[in-house]
Amino acid sequence: MQEAPVEFHRPAVRNNPQRWRVADVAALFELPFNELLFRAQTVHREHFDPSQVQLSSLLSIKTGGCPEDCGYCPQSVHFDTGVEASALMPIDAVLDAARRAKEAGATRFCMGAAWRGPKDRDIEKVAALISGVKSLGMEACATLGMLGEGHAEQLRDAGLDYYNHNIDSAPDKYADIITTRHFEDRLDTLDKVRSAGVKVCCGGIVGMGESREQRAALIATLANMDPYPESVPINHLVPVEGTPLASQEALDPFEFVRTIAAARITMPQTMVRLSAGRQQLGEAVQALCFLAGANSMFYGDKLLTTGNPDVQADQSLMAKLGMRAA
């Protein structure tokens, strides 16, 4: 695909010539399905072992009570979803979960907290958790909301490898999903993470009623970051009763696979992760996602507050496909 500089929404690092026009990514989506997967698999094999998949485990270390109104999220105080707010988990409980994840084969342990943004005292507590996870020989990732000045540096000094902060959707779709913050707020936190020298984990959610062009714009926004994220989680919406998107019509599974393929082609060296919604996709669609270039997945029985295929099911799928943990 020919690269071309264009005007587009600002990337996480400013003043970068844009590599992918939305129209170029949209053209990938329009390819015949087999042609698209062939291109994506070709790119994938140039950079990765196609039989390997990186396994990450995600734990909600502080659940519920979030003041944001993200239309997909059961942890928001704005929606009645049955999720009760809880305090930050004690360090022993978090490290016990990390040990179990490592024993099950996960190499990265991700900790998520339902905050709009952590306070200074929260950062100090999470830094201790990060140090503990690193002492187990695992990569550490955190997703804590919008970061204040100096927070990324504190997390880095504790040993944080990745900070997750998804842009969620295309820039022109964002305000339809979230009103308590702006798209630019997301990019500001990503700037802080990059400036601190922490690797970026950033992706989005598909199936929220967006158009195909908006899915292309989501991928283009990520691909035009300089550098693009080292890890790109692609989530399939999990409708939760009580949220505004509870009755959202399910996305065609082939469209989800196309999104994975577009991410692989436009970001050749990133880890493209199957994240929320894998349980609804089933084994056959997940297999197509791996063919399309996915090479990472969240592994375990729960993603924050929604279900995820359990460890045994994941191991069975990997065995069927002849895949192995990276």
Protein backbone atom coordinates (compact mmCIF):
# COMPACT_ATOMS: atom_id res chain seq x y z
CA MET A 1 0.00 0.00 0.00
CA GLN A 2 1.45 3.36 -1.07
CA GLU A 3 2.07 5.69 1.84
CA ALA A 4 0.84 9.23 1.43
CA PRO A 5 1.03 12.30 3.69
CA VAL A 6 -2.39 13.73 4.45
CA GLU A 7 -4.14 15.92 6.96
CA PHE A 8 -5.75 13.88 9.72
CA HIS A 9 -6.44 13.93 13.44
CA ARG A 10 -3.29 14.56 15.44
CA PRO A 11 -1.30 11.51 16.52
CA ALA A 12 0.02 10.79 19.99
CA VAL A 13 3.33 12.43 19.05
CA ARG A 14 2.76 15.74 17.32
CA ASN A 15 3.72 16.92 13.84
CA ASN A 16 4.13 13.50 12.28
CA PRO A 17 3.42 13.21 8.53
CA GLN A 18 0.43 10.96 8.14
CA ARG A 19 1.22 7.56 6.66
CA TRP A 20 -2.27 6.19 6.12
CA ARG A 21 -5.24 8.07 4.75
CA VAL A 22 -8.64 6.93 5.96
CA ALA A 23 -9.47 6.26 2.31
CA ASP A 24 -6.49 3.91 2.02
CA VAL A 25 -7.57 1.92 5.06
CA ALA A 26 -11.17 1.90 3.85
CA ALA A 27 -9.88 0.43 0.57
CA LEU A 28 -8.39 -2.46 2.54
CA PHE A 29 -11.80 -3.16 4.07
CA GLU A 30 -13.29 -3.29 0.56
CA LEU A 31 -10.92 -5.98 -0.69
CA PRO A 32 -12.29 -9.47 -1.30
CA PHE A 33 -12.08 -11.31 2.01
CA ASN A 34 -9.52 -13.90 0.86
CA GLU A 35 -7.32 -11.24 -0.72
CA LEU A 36 -7.37 -9.16 2.45
CA LEU A 37 -6.43 -12.12 4.64
CA PHE A 38 -3.66 -13.14 2.22
CA ARG A 39 -2.16 -9.66 2.39
CA ALA A 40 -2.44 -9.53 6.16
CA GLN A 41 -0.91 -12.98 6.62
CA THR A 42 1.93 -12.08 4.26
CA VAL A 43 2.74 -8.98 6.29
CA HIS A 44 2.42 -10.96 9.51
CA ARG A 45 4.92 -13.61 8.39
CA GLU A 46 7.46 -10.94 7.52
CA HIS A 47 7.64 -9.87 11.16
CA PHE A 48 6.36 -12.71 13.38
CA ASP A 49 6.20 -16.46 13.76
CA PRO A 50 2.61 -17.17 12.61
CA SER A 51 2.29 -20.04 15.09
CA GLN A 52 3.05 -17.96 18.17
CA VAL A 53 0.61 -15.97 20.29
CA GLN A 54 1.48 -13.74 23.23
CA LEU A 55 -0.70 -14.30 26.29
CA SER A 56 -1.74 -11.49 28.61
CA SER A 57 -3.93 -11.60 31.70
CA LEU A 58 -6.06 -8.68 32.91
CA LEU A 59 -7.20 -8.03 36.48
CA SER A 60 -9.57 -5.32 37.68
CA ILE A 61 -7.71 -3.98 40.72
CA LYS A 62 -10.34 -1.31 41.42
CA THR A 63 -13.83 -1.99 40.10
CA GLY A 64 -16.85 0.28 39.54
CA GLY A 65 -17.70 3.78 40.63
CA CYS A 66 -16.16 5.45 37.59
CA PRO A 67 -17.48 9.00 36.96
CA GLU A 68 -17.10 8.68 33.17
CA ASP A 69 -20.13 7.88 31.01
CA CYS A 70 -18.59 5.55 28.40
CA GLY A 71 -21.66 4.04 26.77
CA TYR A 72 -20.23 0.52 26.68
CA CYS A 73 -18.95 0.31 30.24
CA PRO A 74 -20.75 -1.41 33.15
CA GLN A 75 -18.40 0.28 35.64
CA SER A 76 -19.83 3.76 35.11
CA VAL A 77 -21.79 5.37 37.97
CA HIS A 78 -24.18 6.70 35.33
CA PHE A 79 -25.64 3.25 34.56
CA ASP A 80 -27.39 0.63 36.66
CA THR A 81 -25.58 -2.58 35.71
CA GLY A 82 -25.28 -4.34 39.05
CA VAL A 83 -21.55 -3.62 39.33
CA GLU A 84 -20.72 -2.37 42.81
CA ALA A 85 -17.83 -0.02 43.47
CA SER A 86 -14.88 -1.48 45.33
CA ALA A 87 -11.65 -0.15 46.79
CA LEU A 88 -8.20 -0.84 45.36
CA MET A 89 -7.26 -4.47 45.92
CA PRO A 90 -4.53 -5.22 48.48
CA ILE A 91 -1.11 -6.01 47.08
CA ASP A 92 -1.12 -9.65 48.29
CA ALA A 93 -4.34 -10.41 46.41
CA VAL A 94 -3.06 -8.78 43.22
CA LEU A 95 0.24 -10.63 43.29
CA ASP A 96 -1.53 -13.92 43.99
CA ALA A 97 -3.58 -13.36 40.83
CA ALA A 98 -0.41 -12.50 38.90
CA ARG A 99 1.27 -15.73 40.06
CA ARG A 100 -1.72 -17.79 38.92
CA ALA A 101 -1.68 -16.02 35.56
CA LYS A 102 2.01 -16.77 35.12
CA GLU A 103 1.49 -20.42 36.04
CA ALA A 104 -1.23 -20.60 33.37
CA GLY A 105 1.16 -19.28 30.73
CA ALA A 106 0.60 -15.51 30.67
CA THR A 107 3.72 -13.38 30.17
CA ARG A 108 2.12 -9.97 30.69
CA PHE A 109 -0.05 -8.96 33.63
CA CYS A 110 -2.35 -6.00 33.10
CA MET A 111 -3.99 -4.11 35.95
CA GLY A 112 -7.08 -1.98 35.35
CA ALA A 113 -8.65 0.55 37.70
CA ALA A 114 -11.98 2.30 37.15
CA TRP A 115 -10.80 5.87 37.61
CA ARG A 116 -11.27 8.94 35.47
CA GLY A 117 -7.67 9.54 36.44
CA PRO A 118 -5.60 8.42 39.42
CA LYS A 119 -4.62 10.74 42.26
CA ASP A 120 -1.03 11.02 43.44
CA ARG A 121 -1.70 8.59 46.31
CA ASP A 122 -3.21 6.11 43.85
CA ILE A 123 -0.10 6.23 41.69
CA GLU A 124 2.06 5.41 44.71
CA LYS A 125 -0.06 2.33 45.48
CA VAL A 126 -0.11 1.14 41.85
CA ALA A 127 3.66 1.64 41.64
CA ALA A 128 4.03 -0.89 44.45
CA LEU A 129 1.84 -3.35 42.54
CA ILE A 130 3.92 -2.87 39.41
CA SER A 131 7.13 -3.54 41.30
CA GLY A 132 5.59 -6.70 42.72
CA VAL A 133 4.51 -7.97 39.30
CA LYS A 134 7.96 -7.28 37.87
CA SER A 135 9.54 -9.26 40.70
CA LEU A 136 7.62 -12.29 39.41
CA GLY A 137 9.37 -12.03 36.04
CA MET A 138 6.32 -10.78 34.14
CA GLU A 139 5.75 -7.74 31.97
CA ALA A 140 3.59 -5.17 33.72
CA CYS A 141 0.80 -3.16 32.09
CA ALA A 142 -1.64 -0.72 33.68
CA THR A 143 -4.78 1.07 32.58
CA LEU A 144 -5.77 3.73 35.10
CA GLY A 145 -7.46 6.45 33.07
CA MET A 146 -6.06 9.88 32.26
CA LEU A 147 -2.65 10.57 33.78
CA GLY A 148 -1.53 13.76 35.48
CA GLU A 149 1.86 15.41 35.28
CA GLY A 150 4.63 13.15 36.53
CA HIS A 151 2.43 10.07 36.83
CA ALA A 152 3.84 8.29 33.79
CA GLU A 153 7.37 8.84 35.08
CA GLN A 154 6.47 7.37 38.47
CA LEU A 155 4.95 4.31 36.83
CA ARG A 156 7.99 3.97 34.59
CA ASP A 157 10.35 4.12 37.53
CA ALA A 158 8.36 1.33 39.22
CA GLY A 159 9.04 -0.85 36.17
CA LEU A 160 5.90 -0.41 34.06
CA ASP A 161 6.36 -1.84 30.57
CA TYR A 162 3.08 -0.82 28.92
CA TYR A 163 0.35 1.71 29.61
CA ASN A 164 -3.04 0.96 28.08
CA HIS A 165 -5.21 3.88 27.06
CA ASN A 166 -7.58 3.06 24.21
CA ILE A 167 -8.89 5.74 21.88
CA ASP A 168 -12.05 3.60 21.66
CA SER A 169 -13.40 4.81 18.32
CA ALA A 170 -12.91 7.05 15.32
CA PRO A 171 -12.52 10.74 16.21
CA ASP A 172 -15.91 11.63 14.72
CA LYS A 173 -17.68 8.81 16.58
CA TYR A 174 -16.15 9.46 19.99
CA ALA A 175 -18.66 12.03 21.23
CA ASP A 176 -21.52 9.61 20.48
CA ILE A 177 -20.04 7.14 22.98
CA ILE A 178 -18.50 9.35 25.68
CA THR A 179 -19.40 12.88 26.77
CA THR A 180 -17.44 13.29 30.02
CA ARG A 181 -14.11 13.72 28.22
CA HIS A 182 -12.85 14.56 24.75
CA PHE A 183 -10.91 12.60 22.17
CA GLU A 184 -8.00 15.00 22.64
CA ASP A 185 -7.86 14.05 26.33
CA ARG A 186 -7.00 10.54 25.26
CA LEU A 187 -4.17 11.75 23.06
CA ASP A 188 -2.81 13.96 25.84
CA THR A 189 -2.37 10.95 28.12
CA LEU A 190 -0.74 8.98 25.31
CA ASP A 191 1.70 11.88 24.87
CA LYS A 192 2.62 11.67 28.56
CA VAL A 193 3.19 7.93 28.30
CA ARG A 194 5.40 8.25 25.21
CA SER A 195 7.36 11.13 26.68
CA ALA A 196 8.12 9.03 29.76
CA GLY A 197 9.50 6.22 27.62
CA VAL A 198 6.75 3.73 28.47
CA LYS A 199 5.43 1.50 25.69
CA VAL A 200 1.91 2.24 24.46
CA CYS A 201 -0.97 -0.22 24.40
CA CYS A 202 -3.79 1.47 22.52
CA GLY A 203 -6.69 0.17 20.48
CA GLY A 204 -10.43 0.45 20.29
CA ILE A 205 -13.84 -1.17 20.32
CA VAL A 206 -15.80 -2.16 17.23
CA GLY A 207 -19.47 -2.97 17.01
CA MET A 208 -20.70 0.23 18.69
CA GLY A 209 -22.84 1.28 15.74
CA GLU A 210 -19.99 2.83 13.79
CA SER A 211 -19.77 2.74 10.00
CA ARG A 212 -17.11 0.83 8.09
CA GLU A 213 -15.43 4.16 7.28
CA GLN A 214 -15.30 4.95 10.99
CA ARG A 215 -13.66 1.58 11.65
CA ALA A 216 -11.14 2.53 8.97
CA ALA A 217 -10.64 5.90 10.69
CA LEU A 218 -10.01 4.16 14.02
CA ILE A 219 -7.27 2.03 12.44
CA ALA A 220 -5.82 5.01 10.55
CA THR A 221 -5.63 7.06 13.74
CA LEU A 222 -3.67 4.31 15.45
CA ALA A 223 -1.43 3.64 12.44
CA ASN A 224 -0.56 7.34 12.11
CA MET A 225 0.76 7.66 15.64
CA ASP A 226 4.51 8.11 15.66
CA PRO A 227 5.48 5.52 16.54
CA TYR A 228 2.32 3.48 16.29
CA PRO A 229 1.41 1.55 19.48
CA GLU A 230 3.52 -1.49 20.34
CA SER A 231 0.31 -3.26 21.34
CA VAL A 232 -3.13 -2.78 19.72
CA PRO A 233 -6.09 -4.46 21.45
CA ILE A 234 -9.13 -4.80 19.21
CA ASN A 235 -12.25 -5.26 21.31
CA HIS A 236 -15.60 -6.58 20.10
CA LEU A 237 -18.42 -4.84 21.96
CA VAL A 238 -19.90 -6.92 24.75
CA PRO A 239 -23.39 -5.43 25.28
CA VAL A 240 -24.15 -5.14 28.99
CA GLU A 241 -27.67 -4.70 30.33
CA GLY A 242 -28.10 -1.23 31.76
CA THR A 243 -25.63 0.50 29.46
CA PRO A 244 -26.73 2.65 26.49
CA LEU A 245 -25.29 0.06 24.09
CA ALA A 246 -27.08 -2.89 25.67
CA SER A 247 -29.31 -3.41 22.63
CA GLN A 248 -26.71 -2.64 19.98
CA GLU A 249 -26.97 -4.99 17.00
CA ALA A 250 -24.04 -7.37 16.80
CA LEU A 251 -21.29 -6.63 14.29
CA ASP A 252 -20.90 -9.09 11.44
CA PRO A 253 -18.02 -11.37 12.50
CA PHE A 254 -16.32 -11.07 9.11
CA GLU A 255 -16.19 -7.31 9.63
CA PHE A 256 -14.36 -7.91 12.89
CA VAL A 257 -11.84 -10.11 11.08
CA ARG A 258 -11.40 -7.38 8.45
CA THR A 259 -10.59 -4.93 11.24
CA ILE A 260 -7.90 -7.26 12.57
CA ALA A 261 -6.42 -7.60 9.09
CA ALA A 262 -6.39 -3.84 8.53
CA ALA A 263 -4.60 -3.35 11.84
CA ARG A 264 -1.95 -5.92 10.88
CA ILE A 265 -1.31 -4.41 7.43
CA THR A 266 -1.09 -0.82 8.66
CA MET A 267 0.93 -1.61 11.80
CA PRO A 268 3.20 -4.48 10.71
CA GLN A 269 5.28 -4.82 13.87
CA THR A 270 2.64 -4.27 16.55
CA MET A 271 1.10 -6.97 18.70
CA VAL A 272 -2.54 -7.14 17.54
CA ARG A 273 -4.54 -8.45 20.47
CA LEU A 274 -7.89 -10.21 20.55
CA SER A 275 -9.51 -8.68 23.61
CA ALA A 276 -13.07 -8.27 24.87
CA GLY A 277 -15.78 -10.17 23.04
CA ARG A 278 -13.79 -13.29 22.15
CA GLN A 279 -16.33 -15.43 23.97
CA GLN A 280 -19.04 -14.30 21.57
CA LEU A 281 -16.91 -14.85 18.46
CA GLY A 282 -16.43 -18.60 18.83
CA GLU A 283 -13.45 -20.70 17.81
CA ALA A 284 -13.83 -20.47 14.03
CA VAL A 285 -13.85 -16.67 13.95
CA GLN A 286 -10.94 -16.50 16.37
CA ALA A 287 -9.01 -18.82 14.05
CA LEU A 288 -9.69 -16.42 11.18
CA CYS A 289 -8.45 -13.56 13.34
CA PHE A 290 -5.14 -15.35 13.87
CA LEU A 291 -4.95 -15.90 10.12
CA ALA A 292 -5.59 -12.17 9.69
CA GLY A 293 -2.60 -11.32 11.86
CA ALA A 294 -3.71 -11.33 15.48
CA ASN A 295 -0.83 -12.59 17.61
CA SER A 296 -1.83 -11.73 21.16
CA MET A 297 -4.87 -12.34 23.32
CA PHE A 298 -6.23 -11.68 26.76
CA TYR A 299 -6.16 -14.97 28.55
CA GLY A 300 -8.25 -16.04 31.53
CA ASP A 301 -11.83 -16.08 32.74
CA LYS A 302 -12.66 -12.39 33.00
CA LEU A 303 -11.88 -9.07 31.33
CA LEU A 304 -12.49 -6.47 34.05
CA THR A 305 -16.20 -7.18 34.57
CA THR A 306 -17.22 -9.22 31.50
CA GLY A 307 -16.66 -12.88 30.74
CA ASN A 308 -13.76 -14.22 28.70
CA PRO A 309 -12.96 -17.74 27.45
CA ASP A 310 -11.33 -19.63 30.30
CA VAL A 311 -7.77 -20.89 30.31
CA GLN A 312 -8.62 -24.48 29.40
CA ALA A 313 -10.75 -23.37 26.45
CA ASP A 314 -7.94 -21.14 25.20
CA GLN A 315 -5.37 -23.90 25.54
CA SER A 316 -7.66 -26.28 23.68
CA LEU A 317 -8.11 -23.78 20.83
CA MET A 318 -4.37 -23.18 20.57
CA ALA A 319 -3.78 -26.94 20.43
CA LYS A 320 -6.35 -27.36 17.66
CA LEU A 321 -4.68 -24.61 15.64
CA GLY A 322 -1.13 -25.82 16.31
CA MET A 323 -0.30 -22.52 18.00
CA ARG A 324 1.91 -22.01 21.01
CA ALA A 325 2.55 -19.30 23.56
CA ALA A 326 5.25 -16.85 22.59
